[in-house]
Amino acid sequence: MASEMKIDHREKAYQLLKADAEKILKLIKVQMDNLTMPQCPLYEEVLDTQMFGLSREIEFAVRLGLVDEVDGKTLMDSLERELSALHEASTKK
């Protein structure tokens, strides 16, 4: 029972981090579509702040043993790739 609970907490922690990463992606999409361009300091500030916050969340979850370090890095790398592709697409408009 204890190991099932541990697995459940690990899965829940990863899903919460993944949801936060998706929120960042949506926030940046909305910002790019409606408010500012990627060259804008406001865009960079929001992106940097959000990415830093997520990286700290992941680091905390890793330290608690809720998320594997490799999984956390993979999540960050995936988000960075998606944001990069989004940035490229917006500059080609």
N, C-alpha and C. Protein backbone atom coordinates (compact mmCIF):
# COMPACT_ATOMS: atom_id res chain seq x y z
N MET A 1 0.82 -1.19 0.00
CA MET A 1 0.00 0.00 0.00
C MET A 1 0.87 1.26 0.00
N ALA A 2 1.93 1.28 0.79
CA ALA A 2 2.80 2.46 0.85
C ALA A 2 3.48 2.70 -0.49
N SER A 3 3.90 1.63 -1.17
CA SER A 3 4.56 1.83 -2.47
C SER A 3 3.56 2.30 -3.51
N GLU A 4 2.29 1.87 -3.43
CA GLU A 4 1.26 2.37 -4.34
C GLU A 4 1.03 3.86 -4.12
N MET A 5 1.03 4.27 -2.86
CA MET A 5 0.86 5.68 -2.55
C MET A 5 2.03 6.51 -3.09
N LYS A 6 3.24 5.95 -2.95
CA LYS A 6 4.43 6.65 -3.44
C LYS A 6 4.35 6.81 -4.96
N ILE A 7 3.95 5.75 -5.65
CA ILE A 7 3.82 5.82 -7.11
C ILE A 7 2.76 6.83 -7.49
N ASP A 8 1.63 6.82 -6.76
CA ASP A 8 0.56 7.77 -7.03
C ASP A 8 1.03 9.21 -6.84
N HIS A 9 1.79 9.47 -5.79
CA HIS A 9 2.31 10.82 -5.55
C HIS A 9 3.30 11.22 -6.65
N ARG A 10 4.12 10.28 -7.08
CA ARG A 10 5.08 10.59 -8.15
C ARG A 10 4.35 10.93 -9.44
N GLU A 11 3.34 10.13 -9.77
CA GLU A 11 2.57 10.38 -11.00
C GLU A 11 1.85 11.73 -10.91
N LYS A 12 1.26 12.00 -9.76
CA LYS A 12 0.54 13.26 -9.58
C LYS A 12 1.50 14.45 -9.67
N ALA A 13 2.65 14.34 -9.04
CA ALA A 13 3.64 15.42 -9.10
C ALA A 13 4.07 15.69 -10.53
N TYR A 14 4.34 14.63 -11.29
CA TYR A 14 4.77 14.82 -12.67
C TYR A 14 3.64 15.45 -13.50
N GLN A 15 2.41 15.00 -13.29
CA GLN A 15 1.28 15.55 -14.03
C GLN A 15 1.07 17.03 -13.71
N LEU A 16 1.26 17.40 -12.46
CA LEU A 16 1.14 18.81 -12.08
C LEU A 16 2.22 19.66 -12.74
N LEU A 17 3.44 19.14 -12.78
CA LEU A 17 4.53 19.87 -13.44
C LEU A 17 4.26 19.98 -14.94
N LYS A 18 3.76 18.90 -15.52
CA LYS A 18 3.45 18.92 -16.95
C LYS A 18 2.34 19.93 -17.24
N ALA A 19 1.35 20.00 -16.36
CA ALA A 19 0.27 20.98 -16.53
C ALA A 19 0.82 22.41 -16.43
N ASP A 20 1.75 22.64 -15.51
CA ASP A 20 2.36 23.97 -15.40
C ASP A 20 3.14 24.31 -16.68
N ALA A 21 3.83 23.33 -17.24
CA ALA A 21 4.56 23.57 -18.49
C ALA A 21 3.58 23.92 -19.61
N GLU A 22 2.45 23.23 -19.66
CA GLU A 22 1.44 23.53 -20.68
C GLU A 22 0.84 24.92 -20.49
N LYS A 23 0.67 25.34 -19.24
CA LYS A 23 0.16 26.69 -18.96
C LYS A 23 1.14 27.75 -19.47
N ILE A 24 2.43 27.49 -19.29
CA ILE A 24 3.44 28.44 -19.77
C ILE A 24 3.36 28.54 -21.28
N LEU A 25 3.26 27.40 -21.95
CA LEU A 25 3.18 27.40 -23.41
C LEU A 25 1.94 28.17 -23.87
N LYS A 26 0.80 27.94 -23.23
CA LYS A 26 -0.43 28.66 -23.60
C LYS A 26 -0.28 30.16 -23.35
N LEU A 27 0.30 30.52 -22.21
CA LEU A 27 0.51 31.93 -21.88
C LEU A 27 1.35 32.62 -22.94
N ILE A 28 2.42 31.98 -23.34
CA ILE A 28 3.30 32.57 -24.35
C ILE A 28 2.60 32.64 -25.70
N LYS A 29 1.80 31.62 -26.04
CA LYS A 29 1.05 31.67 -27.31
C LYS A 29 0.09 32.85 -27.32
N VAL A 30 -0.64 33.04 -26.23
CA VAL A 30 -1.57 34.16 -26.14
C VAL A 30 -0.82 35.48 -26.22
N GLN A 31 0.27 35.56 -25.52
CA GLN A 31 1.04 36.80 -25.53
C GLN A 31 1.56 37.10 -26.93
N MET A 32 2.03 36.09 -27.62
CA MET A 32 2.56 36.31 -28.97
C MET A 32 1.44 36.65 -29.95
N ASP A 33 0.29 36.01 -29.80
CA ASP A 33 -0.81 36.24 -30.73
C ASP A 33 -1.49 37.58 -30.53
N ASN A 34 -1.56 38.02 -29.27
CA ASN A 34 -2.38 39.19 -28.98
C ASN A 34 -1.66 40.42 -28.45
N LEU A 35 -0.54 40.22 -27.83
CA LEU A 35 0.03 41.35 -27.10
C LEU A 35 1.35 41.85 -27.65
N THR A 36 2.35 41.01 -27.61
CA THR A 36 3.68 41.50 -27.94
C THR A 36 4.42 40.54 -28.85
N MET A 37 5.50 41.01 -29.38
CA MET A 37 6.36 40.20 -30.24
C MET A 37 7.52 39.65 -29.42
N PRO A 38 8.16 38.59 -29.91
CA PRO A 38 9.26 37.97 -29.17
C PRO A 38 10.43 38.90 -28.86
N GLN A 39 10.58 39.99 -29.60
CA GLN A 39 11.67 40.91 -29.35
C GLN A 39 11.36 41.87 -28.19
N CYS A 40 10.13 41.86 -27.74
CA CYS A 40 9.69 42.78 -26.69
C CYS A 40 10.27 42.37 -25.34
N PRO A 41 10.78 43.32 -24.56
CA PRO A 41 11.30 42.99 -23.23
C PRO A 41 10.25 42.35 -22.32
N LEU A 42 8.97 42.75 -22.48
CA LEU A 42 7.91 42.15 -21.68
C LEU A 42 7.78 40.67 -21.96
N TYR A 43 7.84 40.30 -23.23
CA TYR A 43 7.78 38.89 -23.63
C TYR A 43 8.93 38.13 -22.97
N GLU A 44 10.12 38.65 -23.08
CA GLU A 44 11.30 37.99 -22.52
C GLU A 44 11.20 37.87 -21.01
N GLU A 45 10.69 38.91 -20.36
CA GLU A 45 10.53 38.91 -18.90
C GLU A 45 9.55 37.82 -18.46
N VAL A 46 8.41 37.75 -19.12
CA VAL A 46 7.40 36.73 -18.78
C VAL A 46 7.97 35.34 -19.01
N LEU A 47 8.60 35.16 -20.15
CA LEU A 47 9.16 33.85 -20.48
C LEU A 47 10.23 33.44 -19.46
N ASP A 48 11.15 34.34 -19.18
CA ASP A 48 12.22 34.03 -18.22
C ASP A 48 11.67 33.72 -16.83
N THR A 49 10.72 34.53 -16.39
CA THR A 49 10.13 34.34 -15.06
C THR A 49 9.40 33.01 -14.97
N GLN A 50 8.61 32.71 -15.96
CA GLN A 50 7.84 31.47 -15.96
C GLN A 50 8.75 30.24 -16.05
N MET A 51 9.75 30.30 -16.89
CA MET A 51 10.66 29.17 -17.04
C MET A 51 11.48 28.97 -15.77
N PHE A 52 11.91 30.05 -15.15
CA PHE A 52 12.65 29.94 -13.91
C PHE A 52 11.78 29.31 -12.83
N GLY A 53 10.53 29.77 -12.73
CA GLY A 53 9.62 29.21 -11.74
C GLY A 53 9.40 27.72 -11.94
N LEU A 54 9.20 27.31 -13.18
CA LEU A 54 9.01 25.88 -13.46
C LEU A 54 10.26 25.09 -13.12
N SER A 55 11.42 25.62 -13.44
CA SER A 55 12.65 24.90 -13.14
C SER A 55 12.82 24.71 -11.63
N ARG A 56 12.41 25.71 -10.86
CA ARG A 56 12.47 25.59 -9.39
C ARG A 56 11.47 24.56 -8.88
N GLU A 57 10.28 24.53 -9.48
CA GLU A 57 9.29 23.53 -9.09
C GLU A 57 9.83 22.12 -9.35
N ILE A 58 10.43 21.96 -10.52
CA ILE A 58 10.97 20.64 -10.88
C ILE A 58 12.10 20.27 -9.93
N GLU A 59 12.99 21.21 -9.66
CA GLU A 59 14.09 20.94 -8.75
C GLU A 59 13.57 20.52 -7.37
N PHE A 60 12.54 21.19 -6.89
CA PHE A 60 11.96 20.86 -5.59
C PHE A 60 11.35 19.45 -5.62
N ALA A 61 10.63 19.12 -6.67
CA ALA A 61 10.03 17.79 -6.79
C ALA A 61 11.10 16.70 -6.88
N VAL A 62 12.20 17.00 -7.56
CA VAL A 62 13.32 16.05 -7.65
C VAL A 62 13.92 15.84 -6.26
N ARG A 63 14.14 16.94 -5.55
CA ARG A 63 14.74 16.84 -4.20
C ARG A 63 13.85 16.05 -3.25
N LEU A 64 12.53 16.13 -3.44
CA LEU A 64 11.61 15.36 -2.60
C LEU A 64 11.52 13.90 -3.03
N GLY A 65 12.09 13.60 -4.18
CA GLY A 65 12.02 12.24 -4.69
C GLY A 65 10.71 11.93 -5.38
N LEU A 66 9.96 12.97 -5.75
CA LEU A 66 8.68 12.78 -6.42
C LEU A 66 8.81 12.69 -7.93
N VAL A 67 9.88 13.27 -8.45
CA VAL A 67 10.12 13.28 -9.89
C VAL A 67 11.57 12.90 -10.13
N ASP A 68 11.77 12.03 -11.10
CA ASP A 68 13.13 11.63 -11.47
C ASP A 68 13.82 12.82 -12.15
N GLU A 69 15.08 13.01 -11.88
CA GLU A 69 15.82 14.14 -12.44
C GLU A 69 15.79 14.13 -13.97
N VAL A 70 15.91 12.96 -14.55
CA VAL A 70 15.88 12.84 -16.02
C VAL A 70 14.52 13.25 -16.56
N ASP A 71 13.45 12.84 -15.89
CA ASP A 71 12.10 13.22 -16.33
C ASP A 71 11.91 14.73 -16.23
N GLY A 72 12.42 15.33 -15.18
CA GLY A 72 12.32 16.78 -15.03
C GLY A 72 13.07 17.51 -16.13
N LYS A 73 14.26 17.03 -16.43
CA LYS A 73 15.06 17.65 -17.50
C LYS A 73 14.36 17.48 -18.85
N THR A 74 13.80 16.30 -19.07
CA THR A 74 13.09 16.03 -20.31
C THR A 74 11.90 16.97 -20.47
N LEU A 75 11.18 17.20 -19.39
CA LEU A 75 10.04 18.11 -19.42
C LEU A 75 10.48 19.53 -19.79
N MET A 76 11.54 20.00 -19.16
CA MET A 76 12.05 21.35 -19.47
C MET A 76 12.54 21.43 -20.91
N ASP A 77 13.28 20.41 -21.35
CA ASP A 77 13.79 20.41 -22.72
C ASP A 77 12.65 20.42 -23.74
N SER A 78 11.61 19.65 -23.46
CA SER A 78 10.46 19.59 -24.36
C SER A 78 9.78 20.95 -24.45
N LEU A 79 9.58 21.59 -23.32
CA LEU A 79 8.96 22.91 -23.31
C LEU A 79 9.83 23.92 -24.05
N GLU A 80 11.12 23.87 -23.84
CA GLU A 80 12.03 24.79 -24.53
C GLU A 80 11.97 24.59 -26.04
N ARG A 81 11.89 23.33 -26.49
CA ARG A 81 11.78 23.05 -27.94
C ARG A 81 10.47 23.61 -28.49
N GLU A 82 9.37 23.40 -27.76
CA GLU A 82 8.07 23.90 -28.22
C GLU A 82 8.06 25.42 -28.29
N LEU A 83 8.63 26.06 -27.29
CA LEU A 83 8.69 27.52 -27.28
C LEU A 83 9.57 28.04 -28.40
N SER A 84 10.66 27.34 -28.67
CA SER A 84 11.55 27.73 -29.76
C SER A 84 10.82 27.63 -31.11
N ALA A 85 10.08 26.55 -31.30
CA ALA A 85 9.33 26.37 -32.54
C ALA A 85 8.26 27.44 -32.68
N LEU A 86 7.62 27.77 -31.59
CA LEU A 86 6.60 28.82 -31.58
C LEU A 86 7.23 30.16 -31.93
N HIS A 87 8.39 30.43 -31.36
CA HIS A 87 9.10 31.69 -31.64
C HIS A 87 9.47 31.77 -33.13
N GLU A 88 10.00 30.68 -33.67
CA GLU A 88 10.36 30.65 -35.09
C GLU A 88 9.15 30.89 -35.97
N ALA A 89 8.04 30.24 -35.65
CA ALA A 89 6.83 30.39 -36.45
C ALA A 89 6.33 31.83 -36.41
N SER A 90 6.43 32.48 -35.26
CA SER A 90 5.93 33.86 -35.16
C SER A 90 6.81 34.84 -35.89
N THR A 91 8.10 34.56 -35.99
CA THR A 91 8.99 35.49 -36.70
C THR A 91 8.89 35.32 -38.22
N LYS A 92 8.32 34.22 -38.66
CA LYS A 92 8.16 33.98 -40.10
C LYS A 92 6.85 34.54 -40.64
N LYS A 93 5.98 35.05 -39.75
CA LYS A 93 4.68 35.60 -40.19
C LYS A 93 4.86 36.81 -41.04
